[in-house]
Amino acid sequence: MSAFADLPYRPCAGVMLVNRDGRVFVGQRLDSVLEAWQMPQGGIDDGEAPIDAAVRELGEEAGIAPDLVELVAEAGEELTYDLPDDLIGKVWKGKWRGQRQRWFLFRFLGEDGDVNIETAEPEFRAWRWIEPAELPELIVPFKRELYQRLLDIFAESLPARDGAVR
């Protein structure tokens, strides 16, 4: 059992953003020296609805305007992950042991030119579209199980491999 098990989880919203080709947006974190890619996610402010936090995070992290996305599905369960012990205390000023996340699947209605990771407070150094099945391989190991669960949760709503929407 982790020495940090008594710490709470940080409330967070996450976005799986899928383009017309059925590929998922991922960004490479600026604050990591690892080849760490992730989907947009971030804290939920006090009094903020999770869906509003998700749309806000898309703007803050990817520069994507709210009118360029359409909600497809919402995960029916909250997902959690724990930070590795060596990161607790370095991340979020040691207040949280990990995150409890509400996830949303959005369809991207824009073009690649509508993505701008050079935001006011950039979080990504690069971005790209990937096949959904690649997500668990690209994410940091401590989030891998959560990303695999997301693929299961959103499986029926993700476009089929031939590009047709189910």
Protein backbone atom coordinates (compact mmCIF):
# COMPACT_ATOMS: atom_id res chain seq x y z
CA MET A 1 0.00 0.00 0.00
CA SER A 2 1.28 3.43 -0.93
CA ALA A 3 2.37 5.77 1.85
CA PHE A 4 0.18 8.33 0.07
CA ALA A 5 -3.05 6.31 0.12
CA ASP A 6 -4.72 8.86 2.42
CA LEU A 7 -4.32 11.70 -0.09
CA PRO A 8 -7.43 12.51 -2.19
CA TYR A 9 -7.72 12.29 -5.96
CA ARG A 10 -7.73 15.50 -8.01
CA PRO A 11 -11.05 16.01 -9.86
CA CYS A 12 -10.34 16.10 -13.57
CA ALA A 13 -11.99 15.98 -17.00
CA GLY A 14 -10.49 14.27 -20.03
CA VAL A 15 -11.22 14.38 -23.75
CA MET A 16 -10.90 11.70 -26.40
CA LEU A 17 -11.10 13.80 -29.59
CA VAL A 18 -11.67 11.84 -32.80
CA ASN A 19 -11.25 13.29 -36.29
CA ARG A 20 -13.12 12.38 -39.49
CA ASP A 21 -10.67 9.53 -40.11
CA GLY A 22 -11.40 7.94 -36.74
CA ARG A 23 -8.01 8.90 -35.36
CA VAL A 24 -7.49 10.30 -31.85
CA PHE A 25 -5.72 13.54 -30.89
CA VAL A 26 -2.68 13.19 -28.62
CA GLY A 27 -0.21 15.78 -27.44
CA GLN A 28 3.36 15.32 -26.26
CA ARG A 29 3.78 16.92 -22.84
CA LEU A 30 6.13 19.88 -22.54
CA ASP A 31 7.06 19.12 -18.93
CA SER A 32 8.34 15.61 -19.59
CA VAL A 33 11.66 14.45 -20.97
CA LEU A 34 10.00 11.14 -21.79
CA GLU A 35 8.24 10.39 -25.05
CA ALA A 36 5.02 11.01 -23.08
CA TRP A 37 1.86 11.52 -25.13
CA GLN A 38 -1.63 11.97 -23.74
CA MET A 39 -5.11 13.12 -24.58
CA PRO A 40 -6.22 16.56 -23.32
CA GLN A 41 -7.16 16.55 -19.64
CA GLY A 42 -7.14 18.87 -16.69
CA GLY A 43 -8.61 19.87 -13.38
CA ILE A 44 -12.24 20.68 -12.79
CA ASP A 45 -12.64 24.07 -11.10
CA ASP A 46 -14.90 24.43 -8.05
CA GLY A 47 -18.50 24.63 -9.22
CA GLU A 48 -17.60 23.76 -12.83
CA ALA A 49 -19.48 20.99 -14.63
CA PRO A 50 -17.17 18.21 -15.91
CA ILE A 51 -18.34 18.72 -19.52
CA ASP A 52 -17.51 22.43 -19.29
CA ALA A 53 -14.07 21.60 -17.90
CA ALA A 54 -13.48 19.19 -20.79
CA VAL A 55 -14.34 21.83 -23.40
CA ARG A 56 -12.24 24.43 -21.57
CA GLU A 57 -9.25 22.07 -21.44
CA LEU A 58 -9.51 21.47 -25.20
CA GLY A 59 -9.19 25.21 -25.70
CA GLU A 60 -6.40 25.65 -23.16
CA GLU A 61 -4.30 22.72 -24.36
CA ALA A 62 -5.09 22.42 -28.07
CA GLY A 63 -6.50 25.83 -28.98
CA ILE A 64 -9.68 24.17 -30.25
CA ALA A 65 -12.81 26.35 -30.16
CA PRO A 66 -15.98 24.86 -28.58
CA ASP A 67 -17.93 25.16 -31.85
CA LEU A 68 -15.47 22.77 -33.52
CA VAL A 69 -16.40 19.78 -31.39
CA GLU A 70 -19.52 17.68 -30.98
CA LEU A 71 -20.19 15.44 -27.97
CA VAL A 72 -20.49 11.79 -28.98
CA ALA A 73 -20.41 9.99 -25.62
CA GLU A 74 -19.62 10.36 -21.94
CA ALA A 75 -18.01 7.63 -19.85
CA GLY A 76 -20.61 6.36 -17.41
CA GLU A 77 -18.04 5.87 -14.69
CA GLU A 78 -15.33 7.94 -13.09
CA LEU A 79 -11.84 6.57 -13.73
CA THR A 80 -8.87 6.96 -11.41
CA TYR A 81 -5.13 6.58 -11.57
CA ASP A 82 -2.43 6.88 -8.93
CA LEU A 83 0.81 8.74 -9.52
CA PRO A 84 3.98 6.75 -8.90
CA ASP A 85 5.24 7.49 -5.36
CA ASP A 86 8.29 9.34 -6.72
CA LEU A 87 6.04 11.91 -8.46
CA ILE A 88 3.81 12.63 -5.47
CA GLY A 89 5.09 15.79 -3.86
CA LYS A 90 6.52 17.00 -7.18
CA VAL A 91 3.16 17.27 -8.95
CA TRP A 92 0.25 19.42 -7.72
CA LYS A 93 2.27 20.53 -4.64
CA GLY A 94 1.75 17.11 -3.03
CA LYS A 95 -2.00 17.65 -2.51
CA TRP A 96 -3.20 14.69 -4.58
CA ARG A 97 -2.31 11.01 -5.00
CA GLY A 98 -3.58 10.93 -8.58
CA GLN A 99 -6.67 11.90 -10.51
CA ARG A 100 -10.32 10.89 -10.66
CA GLN A 101 -11.45 11.66 -14.16
CA ARG A 102 -14.69 12.17 -16.08
CA TRP A 103 -14.07 11.35 -19.76
CA PHE A 104 -15.86 12.60 -22.85
CA LEU A 105 -15.65 11.48 -26.47
CA PHE A 106 -15.92 14.37 -28.94
CA ARG A 107 -15.96 14.43 -32.73
CA PHE A 108 -13.64 17.08 -34.18
CA LEU A 109 -15.49 19.15 -36.78
CA GLY A 110 -12.57 21.35 -37.77
CA GLU A 111 -9.43 20.99 -39.84
CA ASP A 112 -5.86 20.42 -38.66
CA GLY A 113 -5.23 24.15 -39.05
CA ASP A 114 -7.80 24.76 -36.29
CA VAL A 115 -5.49 23.06 -33.77
CA ASN A 116 -3.02 25.41 -32.08
CA ILE A 117 -0.96 24.03 -29.18
CA GLU A 118 0.85 27.37 -28.82
CA THR A 119 -1.71 28.56 -26.29
CA ALA A 120 -1.35 31.13 -23.48
CA GLU A 121 0.02 28.41 -21.17
CA PRO A 122 1.25 25.63 -23.49
CA GLU A 123 1.21 22.06 -22.22
CA PHE A 124 2.19 20.21 -25.41
CA ARG A 125 5.35 20.46 -27.52
CA ALA A 126 3.87 18.45 -30.40
CA TRP A 127 0.60 16.83 -31.41
CA ARG A 128 -0.67 14.22 -33.87
CA TRP A 129 -3.57 11.96 -34.75
CA ILE A 130 -3.18 8.24 -33.94
CA GLU A 131 -5.21 5.07 -34.21
CA PRO A 132 -7.20 4.49 -31.00
CA ALA A 133 -5.49 1.12 -30.45
CA GLU A 134 -2.13 2.93 -30.18
CA LEU A 135 -3.20 4.94 -27.10
CA PRO A 136 -2.09 2.49 -24.37
CA GLU A 137 1.35 2.12 -25.96
CA LEU A 138 2.03 5.87 -26.09
CA ILE A 139 0.86 6.85 -22.62
CA VAL A 140 3.03 6.84 -19.51
CA PRO A 141 2.85 3.41 -17.83
CA PHE A 142 0.87 4.56 -14.79
CA LYS A 143 -2.04 5.70 -17.04
CA ARG A 144 -2.00 2.68 -19.37
CA GLU A 145 -4.75 0.72 -17.62
CA LEU A 146 -7.02 3.79 -17.58
CA TYR A 147 -6.52 4.37 -21.33
CA GLN A 148 -7.28 0.71 -22.06
CA ARG A 149 -10.48 1.02 -20.03
CA LEU A 150 -11.43 4.15 -22.02
CA LEU A 151 -11.06 2.22 -25.28
CA ASP A 152 -13.46 -0.40 -23.89
CA ILE A 153 -15.94 2.22 -22.66
CA PHE A 154 -16.01 4.15 -25.94
CA ALA A 155 -15.64 1.11 -28.26
CA GLU A 156 -19.23 1.27 -29.56
CA SER A 157 -18.96 5.01 -30.26
CA LEU A 158 -15.58 4.99 -31.99
CA PRO A 159 -15.64 4.85 -35.78
CA ALA A 160 -15.16 1.41 -37.25
CA ARG A 161 -11.75 0.69 -38.80
CA ASP A 162 -13.15 1.37 -42.29
CA GLY A 163 -14.02 4.93 -41.25
CA ALA A 164 -17.77 4.37 -41.11
CA VAL A 165 -19.45 5.73 -38.03
CA ARG A 166 -21.25 3.05 -36.05
